[in-house]
Amino acid sequence: MITITLLGVRMVFLTQLPKEQLIAQLENGVILMLLGMGTVFVFLTLLVFLTKGLSALVRKFFPQKSPAVVQRPAAAAVAVGTASDAEVAAAIVAAFVKSKE
C-alpha cells in the first residue's frame, strides 16, 4: 500500500484500500448522511409546525383590530384634484426642457 505523508497526515487513496474496508467506509458514510438528512428534516418539520401553532395562538389571544375608515367630505376630494390638464402638461414640458440642459 502506498501512502503519502503531508504535514504529518498520512493519506491513503481509496483505490489502495482493501475492498472490505472500502465497502465498510462507504456504508458508514451513507448511514451518517441519512442520519444528518433525517435530523435536518425532523428539525425543519418541527419548526414549521411550531411556527404555525404559535401564529395561531397569537391570533387567538391578540386579534388584529380593523382600522377605522375615515370618510372625507366630497368637497375635499374635489379640491385635491384642481390641477388642470394644461398645467400638468406644462410641468412635464418644463421638466423635460430642464433635463436636457
PDB file of N, CA and C in Angstrom:
ATOM      1  N   MET A   1       0.842  -1.158   0.000  1.00  0.00           N
ATOM      2  CA  MET A   1       0.000   0.000   0.000  1.00  0.00           C
ATOM      3  C   MET A   1       0.898   1.235   0.000  1.00  0.00           C
ATOM      4  N   ILE A   2       0.568   2.185  -0.882  1.00  0.00           N
ATOM      5  CA  ILE A   2       1.333   3.423  -0.998  1.00  0.00           C
ATOM      6  C   ILE A   2       0.625   4.495  -0.181  1.00  0.00           C
ATOM      7  N   THR A   3       1.374   5.172   0.645  1.00  0.00           N
ATOM      8  CA  THR A   3       0.804   6.268   1.431  1.00  0.00           C
ATOM      9  C   THR A   3       1.626   7.517   1.191  1.00  0.00           C
ATOM     10  N   ILE A   4       0.992   8.652   1.337  1.00  0.00           N
ATOM     11  CA  ILE A   4       1.661   9.935   1.184  1.00  0.00           C
ATOM     12  C   ILE A   4       1.517  10.671   2.510  1.00  0.00           C
ATOM     13  N   THR A   5       2.599  11.233   2.977  1.00  0.00           N
ATOM     14  CA  THR A   5       2.567  11.999   4.210  1.00  0.00           C
ATOM     15  C   THR A   5       2.647  13.477   3.855  1.00  0.00           C
ATOM     16  N   LEU A   6       1.646  14.222   4.276  1.00  0.00           N
ATOM     17  CA  LEU A   6       1.577  15.650   4.005  1.00  0.00           C
ATOM     18  C   LEU A   6       1.296  16.356   5.315  1.00  0.00           C
ATOM     19  N   LEU A   7       2.252  17.141   5.775  1.00  0.00           N
ATOM     20  CA  LEU A   7       2.136  17.862   7.042  1.00  0.00           C
ATOM     21  C   LEU A   7       1.812  16.919   8.196  1.00  0.00           C
ATOM     22  N   GLY A   8       2.407  15.772   8.194  1.00  0.00           N
ATOM     23  CA  GLY A   8       2.235  14.825   9.280  1.00  0.00           C
ATOM     24  C   GLY A   8       0.963  14.006   9.198  1.00  0.00           C
ATOM     25  N   VAL A   9       0.152  14.181   8.143  1.00  0.00           N
ATOM     26  CA  VAL A   9      -1.087  13.428   7.981  1.00  0.00           C
ATOM     27  C   VAL A   9      -0.860  12.375   6.916  1.00  0.00           C
ATOM     28  N   ARG A  10      -1.129  11.139   7.279  1.00  0.00           N
ATOM     29  CA  ARG A  10      -0.934  10.044   6.351  1.00  0.00           C
ATOM     30  C   ARG A  10      -2.186   9.885   5.488  1.00  0.00           C
ATOM     31  N   MET A  11      -2.025   9.995   4.165  1.00  0.00           N
ATOM     32  CA  MET A  11      -3.156   9.918   3.243  1.00  0.00           C
ATOM     33  C   MET A  11      -3.124   8.575   2.527  1.00  0.00           C
ATOM     34  N   VAL A  12      -4.261   7.901   2.507  1.00  0.00           N
ATOM     35  CA  VAL A  12      -4.394   6.644   1.792  1.00  0.00           C
ATOM     36  C   VAL A  12      -5.488   6.843   0.761  1.00  0.00           C
ATOM     37  N   PHE A  13      -5.223   6.537  -0.485  1.00  0.00           N
ATOM     38  CA  PHE A  13      -6.207   6.718  -1.538  1.00  0.00           C
ATOM     39  C   PHE A  13      -7.194   5.561  -1.535  1.00  0.00           C
ATOM     40  N   LEU A  14      -8.428   5.825  -2.015  1.00  0.00           N
ATOM     41  CA  LEU A  14      -9.483   4.829  -1.965  1.00  0.00           C
ATOM     42  C   LEU A  14      -9.147   3.566  -2.746  1.00  0.00           C
ATOM     43  N   THR A  15      -8.436   3.735  -3.842  1.00  0.00           N
ATOM     44  CA  THR A  15      -8.111   2.554  -4.655  1.00  0.00           C
ATOM     45  C   THR A  15      -7.108   1.654  -3.962  1.00  0.00           C
ATOM     46  N   GLN A  16      -6.444   2.161  -2.937  1.00  0.00           N
ATOM     47  CA  GLN A  16      -5.426   1.378  -2.246  1.00  0.00           C
ATOM     48  C   GLN A  16      -5.998   0.607  -1.050  1.00  0.00           C
ATOM     49  N   LEU A  17      -7.233   0.907  -0.683  1.00  0.00           N
ATOM     50  CA  LEU A  17      -7.827   0.221   0.465  1.00  0.00           C
ATOM     51  C   LEU A  17      -8.309  -1.162   0.062  1.00  0.00           C
ATOM     52  N   PRO A  18      -8.314  -2.088   1.009  1.00  0.00           N
ATOM     53  CA  PRO A  18      -8.921  -3.395   0.732  1.00  0.00           C
ATOM     54  C   PRO A  18     -10.415  -3.228   0.471  1.00  0.00           C
ATOM     55  N   LYS A  19     -10.990  -4.085  -0.357  1.00  0.00           N
ATOM     56  CA  LYS A  19     -12.384  -3.960  -0.772  1.00  0.00           C
ATOM     57  C   LYS A  19     -13.340  -3.967   0.419  1.00  0.00           C
ATOM     58  N   GLU A  20     -13.105  -4.809   1.417  1.00  0.00           N
ATOM     59  CA  GLU A  20     -13.983  -4.883   2.578  1.00  0.00           C
ATOM     60  C   GLU A  20     -13.985  -3.583   3.363  1.00  0.00           C
ATOM     61  N   GLN A  21     -12.790  -3.000   3.525  1.00  0.00           N
ATOM     62  CA  GLN A  21     -12.690  -1.746   4.277  1.00  0.00           C
ATOM     63  C   GLN A  21     -13.342  -0.608   3.498  1.00  0.00           C
ATOM     64  N   LEU A  22     -13.191  -0.606   2.179  1.00  0.00           N
ATOM     65  CA  LEU A  22     -13.807   0.421   1.351  1.00  0.00           C
ATOM     66  C   LEU A  22     -15.327   0.342   1.438  1.00  0.00           C
ATOM     67  N   ILE A  23     -15.880  -0.855   1.363  1.00  0.00           N
ATOM     68  CA  ILE A  23     -17.331  -1.034   1.466  1.00  0.00           C
ATOM     69  C   ILE A  23     -17.828  -0.614   2.847  1.00  0.00           C
ATOM     70  N   ALA A  24     -17.075  -0.943   3.888  1.00  0.00           N
ATOM     71  CA  ALA A  24     -17.459  -0.563   5.253  1.00  0.00           C
ATOM     72  C   ALA A  24     -17.472   0.959   5.401  1.00  0.00           C
ATOM     73  N   GLN A  25     -16.473   1.635   4.833  1.00  0.00           N
ATOM     74  CA  GLN A  25     -16.429   3.094   4.928  1.00  0.00           C
ATOM     75  C   GLN A  25     -17.562   3.730   4.139  1.00  0.00           C
ATOM     76  N   LEU A  26     -17.879   3.177   2.976  1.00  0.00           N
ATOM     77  CA  LEU A  26     -18.991   3.711   2.195  1.00  0.00           C
ATOM     78  C   LEU A  26     -20.326   3.505   2.922  1.00  0.00           C
ATOM     79  N   GLU A  27     -20.503   2.354   3.557  1.00  0.00           N
ATOM     80  CA  GLU A  27     -21.721   2.108   4.328  1.00  0.00           C
ATOM     81  C   GLU A  27     -21.831   3.088   5.488  1.00  0.00           C
ATOM     82  N   ASN A  28     -20.730   3.311   6.181  1.00  0.00           N
ATOM     83  CA  ASN A  28     -20.737   4.274   7.296  1.00  0.00           C
ATOM     84  C   ASN A  28     -21.050   5.676   6.797  1.00  0.00           C
ATOM     85  N   GLY A  29     -20.510   6.020   5.631  1.00  0.00           N
ATOM     86  CA  GLY A  29     -20.783   7.342   5.062  1.00  0.00           C
ATOM     87  C   GLY A  29     -22.249   7.517   4.705  1.00  0.00           C
ATOM     88  N   VAL A  30     -22.856   6.492   4.128  1.00  0.00           N
ATOM     89  CA  VAL A  30     -24.274   6.568   3.769  1.00  0.00           C
ATOM     90  C   VAL A  30     -25.138   6.658   5.030  1.00  0.00           C
ATOM     91  N   ILE A  31     -24.795   5.883   6.043  1.00  0.00           N
ATOM     92  CA  ILE A  31     -25.548   5.932   7.304  1.00  0.00           C
ATOM     93  C   ILE A  31     -25.448   7.318   7.928  1.00  0.00           C
ATOM     94  N   LEU A  32     -24.253   7.876   7.944  1.00  0.00           N
ATOM     95  CA  LEU A  32     -24.054   9.213   8.508  1.00  0.00           C
ATOM     96  C   LEU A  32     -24.810  10.259   7.706  1.00  0.00           C
ATOM     97  N   MET A  33     -24.834  10.130   6.380  1.00  0.00           N
ATOM     98  CA  MET A  33     -25.571  11.068   5.537  1.00  0.00           C
ATOM     99  C   MET A  33     -27.063  10.985   5.819  1.00  0.00           C
ATOM    100  N   LEU A  34     -27.608   9.771   5.917  1.00  0.00           N
ATOM    101  CA  LEU A  34     -29.030   9.615   6.170  1.00  0.00           C
ATOM    102  C   LEU A  34     -29.415  10.132   7.555  1.00  0.00           C
ATOM    103  N   LEU A  35     -28.566   9.899   8.551  1.00  0.00           N
ATOM    104  CA  LEU A  35     -28.840  10.435   9.889  1.00  0.00           C
ATOM    105  C   LEU A  35     -28.843  11.963   9.874  1.00  0.00           C
ATOM    106  N   GLY A  36     -27.902  12.559   9.181  1.00  0.00           N
ATOM    107  CA  GLY A  36     -27.846  14.018   9.101  1.00  0.00           C
ATOM    108  C   GLY A  36     -29.043  14.600   8.381  1.00  0.00           C
ATOM    109  N   MET A  37     -29.396  13.993   7.251  1.00  0.00           N
ATOM    110  CA  MET A  37     -30.550  14.492   6.491  1.00  0.00           C
ATOM    111  C   MET A  37     -31.841  14.286   7.270  1.00  0.00           C
ATOM    112  N   GLY A  38     -31.958  13.167   7.976  1.00  0.00           N
ATOM    113  CA  GLY A  38     -33.143  12.920   8.787  1.00  0.00           C
ATOM    114  C   GLY A  38     -33.271  13.921   9.929  1.00  0.00           C
ATOM    115  N   THR A  39     -32.146  14.228  10.552  1.00  0.00           N
ATOM    116  CA  THR A  39     -32.151  15.208  11.643  1.00  0.00           C
ATOM    117  C   THR A  39     -32.598  16.574  11.138  1.00  0.00           C
ATOM    118  N   VAL A  40     -32.068  16.998  10.003  1.00  0.00           N
ATOM    119  CA  VAL A  40     -32.448  18.295   9.441  1.00  0.00           C
ATOM    120  C   VAL A  40     -33.927  18.289   9.054  1.00  0.00           C
ATOM    121  N   PHE A  41     -34.403  17.202   8.454  1.00  0.00           N
ATOM    122  CA  PHE A  41     -35.807  17.119   8.059  1.00  0.00           C
ATOM    123  C   PHE A  41     -36.728  17.212   9.272  1.00  0.00           C
ATOM    124  N   VAL A  42     -36.409  16.471  10.319  1.00  0.00           N
ATOM    125  CA  VAL A  42     -37.242  16.499  11.532  1.00  0.00           C
ATOM    126  C   VAL A  42     -37.219  17.894  12.157  1.00  0.00           C
ATOM    127  N   PHE A  43     -36.055  18.519  12.219  1.00  0.00           N
ATOM    128  CA  PHE A  43     -35.953  19.856  12.803  1.00  0.00           C
ATOM    129  C   PHE A  43     -36.769  20.868  12.014  1.00  0.00           C
ATOM    130  N   LEU A  44     -36.657  20.841  10.676  1.00  0.00           N
ATOM    131  CA  LEU A  44     -37.394  21.817   9.870  1.00  0.00           C
ATOM    132  C   LEU A  44     -38.898  21.560   9.921  1.00  0.00           C
ATOM    133  N   THR A  45     -39.317  20.311   9.945  1.00  0.00           N
ATOM    134  CA  THR A  45     -40.737  19.997  10.064  1.00  0.00           C
ATOM    135  C   THR A  45     -41.276  20.489  11.404  1.00  0.00           C
ATOM    136  N   LEU A  46     -40.542  20.243  12.465  1.00  0.00           N
ATOM    137  CA  LEU A  46     -40.929  20.726  13.787  1.00  0.00           C
ATOM    138  C   LEU A  46     -40.996  22.251  13.807  1.00  0.00           C
ATOM    139  N   LEU A  47     -40.054  22.895  13.168  1.00  0.00           N
ATOM    140  CA  LEU A  47     -40.036  24.354  13.114  1.00  0.00           C
ATOM    141  C   LEU A  47     -41.261  24.897  12.398  1.00  0.00           C
ATOM    142  N   VAL A  48     -41.666  24.277  11.293  1.00  0.00           N
ATOM    143  CA  VAL A  48     -42.847  24.730  10.554  1.00  0.00           C
ATOM    144  C   VAL A  48     -44.098  24.602  11.418  1.00  0.00           C
ATOM    145  N   PHE A  49     -44.288  23.448  12.055  1.00  0.00           N
ATOM    146  CA  PHE A  49     -45.496  23.254  12.867  1.00  0.00           C
ATOM    147  C   PHE A  49     -45.507  24.147  14.103  1.00  0.00           C
ATOM    148  N   LEU A  50     -44.359  24.334  14.723  1.00  0.00           N
ATOM    149  CA  LEU A  50     -44.313  25.234  15.885  1.00  0.00           C
ATOM    150  C   LEU A  50     -44.595  26.677  15.476  1.00  0.00           C
ATOM    151  N   THR A  51     -44.094  27.094  14.327  1.00  0.00           N
ATOM    152  CA  THR A  51     -44.348  28.455  13.852  1.00  0.00           C
ATOM    153  C   THR A  51     -45.825  28.657  13.554  1.00  0.00           C
ATOM    154  N   LYS A  52     -46.449  27.670  12.889  1.00  0.00           N
ATOM    155  CA  LYS A  52     -47.878  27.776  12.600  1.00  0.00           C
ATOM    156  C   LYS A  52     -48.697  27.784  13.887  1.00  0.00           C
ATOM    157  N   GLY A  53     -48.332  26.942  14.835  1.00  0.00           N
ATOM    158  CA  GLY A  53     -49.052  26.892  16.102  1.00  0.00           C
ATOM    159  C   GLY A  53     -48.928  28.176  16.882  1.00  0.00           C
ATOM    160  N   LEU A  54     -47.731  28.732  16.930  1.00  0.00           N
ATOM    161  CA  LEU A  54     -47.528  29.985  17.649  1.00  0.00           C
ATOM    162  C   LEU A  54     -48.272  31.127  16.968  1.00  0.00           C
ATOM    163  N   SER A  55     -48.302  31.121  15.654  1.00  0.00           N
ATOM    164  CA  SER A  55     -49.040  32.146  14.923  1.00  0.00           C
ATOM    165  C   SER A  55     -50.531  32.058  15.230  1.00  0.00           C
ATOM    166  N   ALA A  56     -51.076  30.852  15.257  1.00  0.00           N
ATOM    167  CA  ALA A  56     -52.495  30.681  15.585  1.00  0.00           C
ATOM    168  C   ALA A  56     -52.779  31.114  17.017  1.00  0.00           C
ATOM    169  N   LEU A  57     -51.872  30.810  17.922  1.00  0.00           N
ATOM    170  CA  LEU A  57     -52.033  31.197  19.321  1.00  0.00           C
ATOM    171  C   LEU A  57     -52.034  32.719  19.471  1.00  0.00           C
ATOM    172  N   VAL A  58     -51.141  33.385  18.780  1.00  0.00           N
ATOM    173  CA  VAL A  58     -51.080  34.852  18.869  1.00  0.00           C
ATOM    174  C   VAL A  58     -52.339  35.469  18.267  1.00  0.00           C
ATOM    175  N   ARG A  59     -52.799  34.924  17.120  1.00  0.00           N
ATOM    176  CA  ARG A  59     -54.020  35.452  16.509  1.00  0.00           C
ATOM    177  C   ARG A  59     -55.240  35.236  17.407  1.00  0.00           C
ATOM    178  N   LYS A  60     -55.241  34.156  18.193  1.00  0.00           N
ATOM    179  CA  LYS A  60     -56.386  33.879  19.064  1.00  0.00           C
ATOM    180  C   LYS A  60     -56.436  34.845  20.236  1.00  0.00           C
ATOM    181  N   PHE A  61     -55.292  35.088  20.872  1.00  0.00           N
ATOM    182  CA  PHE A  61     -55.277  35.926  22.072  1.00  0.00           C
ATOM    183  C   PHE A  61     -55.102  37.412  21.779  1.00  0.00           C
ATOM    184  N   PHE A  62     -54.540  37.756  20.627  1.00  0.00           N
ATOM    185  CA  PHE A  62     -54.340  39.154  20.251  1.00  0.00           C
ATOM    186  C   PHE A  62     -54.881  39.378  18.844  1.00  0.00           C
ATOM    187  N   PRO A  63     -56.206  39.418  18.706  1.00  0.00           N
ATOM    188  CA  PRO A  63     -56.769  39.599  17.360  1.00  0.00           C
ATOM    189  C   PRO A  63     -56.427  40.980  16.822  1.00  0.00           C
ATOM    190  N   GLN A  64     -56.271  41.033  15.516  1.00  0.00           N
ATOM    191  CA  GLN A  64     -55.927  42.300  14.885  1.00  0.00           C
ATOM    192  C   GLN A  64     -57.195  43.113  14.686  1.00  0.00           C
ATOM    193  N   LYS A  65     -57.174  44.323  15.180  1.00  0.00           N
ATOM    194  CA  LYS A  65     -58.343  45.182  15.061  1.00  0.00           C
ATOM    195  C   LYS A  65     -58.338  45.826  13.684  1.00  0.00           C
ATOM    196  N   SER A  66     -59.518  45.895  13.081  1.00  0.00           N
ATOM    197  CA  SER A  66     -59.599  46.511  11.754  1.00  0.00           C
ATOM    198  C   SER A  66     -59.480  48.023  11.912  1.00  0.00           C
ATOM    199  N   PRO A  67     -58.745  48.666  11.022  1.00  0.00           N
ATOM    200  CA  PRO A  67     -58.579  50.122  11.147  1.00  0.00           C
ATOM    201  C   PRO A  67     -59.893  50.834  10.831  1.00  0.00           C
ATOM    202  N   ALA A  68     -60.126  51.913  11.538  1.00  0.00           N
ATOM    203  CA  ALA A  68     -61.347  52.693  11.332  1.00  0.00           C
ATOM    204  C   ALA A  68     -61.241  53.431  10.009  1.00  0.00           C
ATOM    205  N   VAL A  69     -62.298  53.363   9.225  1.00  0.00           N
ATOM    206  CA  VAL A  69     -62.323  54.033   7.927  1.00  0.00           C
ATOM    207  C   VAL A  69     -62.795  55.458   8.143  1.00  0.00           C
ATOM    208  N   VAL A  70     -61.987  56.413   7.690  1.00  0.00           N
ATOM    209  CA  VAL A  70     -62.328  57.818   7.835  1.00  0.00           C
ATOM    210  C   VAL A  70     -62.883  58.307   6.504  1.00  0.00           C
ATOM    211  N   GLN A  71     -64.094  58.828   6.524  1.00  0.00           N
ATOM    212  CA  GLN A  71     -64.722  59.346   5.314  1.00  0.00           C
ATOM    213  C   GLN A  71     -64.385  60.824   5.166  1.00  0.00           C
ATOM    214  N   ARG A  72     -63.836  61.147   3.974  1.00  0.00           N
ATOM    215  CA  ARG A  72     -63.578  62.557   3.698  1.00  0.00           C
ATOM    216  C   ARG A  72     -64.798  63.161   3.015  1.00  0.00           C
ATOM    217  N   PRO A  73     -65.041  64.413   3.256  1.00  0.00           N
ATOM    218  CA  PRO A  73     -66.144  65.062   2.547  1.00  0.00           C
ATOM    219  C   PRO A  73     -65.850  65.118   1.052  1.00  0.00           C
ATOM    220  N   ALA A  74     -66.877  65.118   0.245  1.00  0.00           N
ATOM    221  CA  ALA A  74     -66.707  65.123  -1.208  1.00  0.00           C
ATOM    222  C   ALA A  74     -66.019  66.386  -1.677  1.00  0.00           C
ATOM    223  N   ALA A  75     -66.213  67.496  -1.009  1.00  0.00           N
ATOM    224  CA  ALA A  75     -65.603  68.767  -1.425  1.00  0.00           C
ATOM    225  C   ALA A  75     -64.089  68.694  -1.262  1.00  0.00           C
ATOM    226  N   ALA A  76     -63.599  68.036  -0.229  1.00  0.00           N
ATOM    227  CA  ALA A  76     -62.156  67.917  -0.020  1.00  0.00           C
ATOM    228  C   ALA A  76     -61.535  67.029  -1.083  1.00  0.00           C
ATOM    229  N   ALA A  77     -62.251  66.012  -1.522  1.00  0.00           N
ATOM    230  CA  ALA A  77     -61.734  65.136  -2.558  1.00  0.00           C
ATOM    231  C   ALA A  77     -61.621  65.866  -3.879  1.00  0.00           C
ATOM    232  N   VAL A  78     -62.553  66.749  -4.169  1.00  0.00           N
ATOM    233  CA  VAL A  78     -62.503  67.509  -5.411  1.00  0.00           C
ATOM    234  C   VAL A  78     -61.417  68.560  -5.346  1.00  0.00           C
ATOM    235  N   ALA A  79     -61.181  69.139  -4.182  1.00  0.00           N
ATOM    236  CA  ALA A  79     -60.191  70.207  -4.038  1.00  0.00           C
ATOM    237  C   ALA A  79     -58.783  69.684  -4.287  1.00  0.00           C
ATOM    238  N   VAL A  80     -58.535  68.427  -4.031  1.00  0.00           N
ATOM    239  CA  VAL A  80     -57.206  67.860  -4.229  1.00  0.00           C
ATOM    240  C   VAL A  80     -56.879  67.798  -5.713  1.00  0.00           C
ATOM    241  N   GLY A  81     -57.826  67.500  -6.561  1.00  0.00           N
ATOM    242  CA  GLY A  81     -57.573  67.335  -7.985  1.00  0.00           C
ATOM    243  C   GLY A  81     -57.899  68.577  -8.783  1.00  0.00           C
ATOM    244  N   THR A  82     -57.484  69.778  -8.368  1.00  0.00           N
ATOM    245  CA  THR A  82     -57.812  71.020  -9.064  1.00  0.00           C
ATOM    246  C   THR A  82     -56.853  71.351 -10.200  1.00  0.00           C
ATOM    247  N   ALA A  83     -55.725  70.647 -10.316  1.00  0.00           N
ATOM    248  CA  ALA A  83     -54.778  70.948 -11.388  1.00  0.00           C
ATOM    249  C   ALA A  83     -55.387  70.514 -12.711  1.00  0.00           C
ATOM    250  N   SER A  84     -55.349  71.430 -13.668  1.00  0.00           N
ATOM    251  CA  SER A  84     -55.927  71.112 -14.977  1.00  0.00           C
ATOM    252  C   SER A  84     -54.909  70.359 -15.816  1.00  0.00           C
ATOM    253  N   ASP A  85     -55.388  69.778 -16.910  1.00  0.00           N
ATOM    254  CA  ASP A  85     -54.510  69.030 -17.801  1.00  0.00           C
ATOM    255  C   ASP A  85     -53.452  69.927 -18.422  1.00  0.00           C
ATOM    256  N   ALA A  86     -53.795  71.176 -18.671  1.00  0.00           N
ATOM    257  CA  ALA A  86     -52.847  72.110 -19.279  1.00  0.00           C
ATOM    258  C   ALA A  86     -51.685  72.388 -18.317  1.00  0.00           C
ATOM    259  N   GLU A  87     -52.006  72.533 -17.034  1.00  0.00           N
ATOM    260  CA  GLU A  87     -50.946  72.783 -16.050  1.00  0.00           C
ATOM    261  C   GLU A  87     -50.023  71.570 -15.912  1.00  0.00           C
ATOM    262  N   VAL A  88     -50.597  70.375 -15.939  1.00  0.00           N
ATOM    263  CA  VAL A  88     -49.796  69.155 -15.854  1.00  0.00           C
ATOM    264  C   VAL A  88     -48.896  69.029 -17.070  1.00  0.00           C
ATOM    265  N   ALA A  89     -49.428  69.300 -18.256  1.00  0.00           N
ATOM    266  CA  ALA A  89     -48.634  69.224 -19.478  1.00  0.00           C
ATOM    267  C   ALA A  89     -47.512  70.253 -19.452  1.00  0.00           C
ATOM    268  N   ALA A  90     -47.784  71.451 -18.942  1.00  0.00           N
ATOM    269  CA  ALA A  90     -46.758  72.492 -18.865  1.00  0.00           C
ATOM    270  C   ALA A  90     -45.649  72.077 -17.900  1.00  0.00           C
ATOM    271  N   ALA A  91     -46.011  71.429 -16.801  1.00  0.00           N
ATOM    272  CA  ALA A  91     -44.999  70.971 -15.834  1.00  0.00           C
ATOM    273  C   ALA A  91     -44.133  69.875 -16.452  1.00  0.00           C
ATOM    274  N   ILE A  92     -44.746  68.991 -17.232  1.00  0.00           N
ATOM    275  CA  ILE A  92     -43.982  67.930 -17.882  1.00  0.00           C
ATOM    276  C   ILE A  92     -43.011  68.508 -18.906  1.00  0.00           C
ATOM    277  N   VAL A  93     -43.480  69.470 -19.703  1.00  0.00           N
ATOM    278  CA  VAL A  93     -42.601  70.088 -20.703  1.00  0.00           C
ATOM    279  C   VAL A  93     -41.465  70.835 -20.020  1.00  0.00           C
ATOM    280  N   ALA A  94     -41.753  71.530 -18.936  1.00  0.00           N
ATOM    281  CA  ALA A  94     -40.713  72.271 -18.219  1.00  0.00           C
ATOM    282  C   ALA A  94     -39.669  71.313 -17.636  1.00  0.00           C
ATOM    283  N   ALA A  95     -40.100  70.185 -17.094  1.00  0.00           N
ATOM    284  CA  ALA A  95     -39.158  69.208 -16.553  1.00  0.00           C
ATOM    285  C   ALA A  95     -38.319  68.588 -17.655  1.00  0.00           C
ATOM    286  N   PHE A  96     -38.942  68.342 -18.810  1.00  0.00           N
ATOM    287  CA  PHE A  96     -38.201  67.766 -19.937  1.00  0.00           C
ATOM    288  C   PHE A  96     -37.135  68.722 -20.442  1.00  0.00           C
ATOM    289  N   VAL A  97     -37.490  70.013 -20.578  1.00  0.00           N
ATOM    290  CA  VAL A  97     -36.533  71.012 -21.038  1.00  0.00           C
ATOM    291  C   VAL A  97     -35.398  71.168 -20.026  1.00  0.00           C
ATOM    292  N   LYS A  98     -35.733  71.157 -18.770  1.00  0.00           N
ATOM    293  CA  LYS A  98     -34.716  71.309 -17.700  1.00  0.00           C
ATOM    294  C   LYS A  98     -33.754  70.107 -17.710  1.00  0.00           C
ATOM    295  N   SER A  99     -34.259  68.902 -18.002  1.00  0.00           N
ATOM    296  CA  SER A  99     -33.384  67.721 -18.003  1.00  0.00           C
ATOM    297  C   SER A  99     -32.446  67.712 -19.195  1.00  0.00           C
ATOM    298  N   LYS A 100     -32.800  68.422 -20.281  1.00  0.00           N
ATOM    299  CA  LYS A 100     -31.935  68.470 -21.462  1.00  0.00           C
ATOM    300  C   LYS A 100     -30.827  69.501 -21.330  1.00  0.00           C
ATOM    301  N   GLU A 101     -30.904  70.387 -20.357  1.00  0.00           N
ATOM    302  CA  GLU A 101     -29.868  71.415 -20.177  1.00  0.00           C
ATOM    303  C   GLU A 101     -28.592  70.858 -19.631  1.00  0.00           C
TER     304      GLU A 101
END
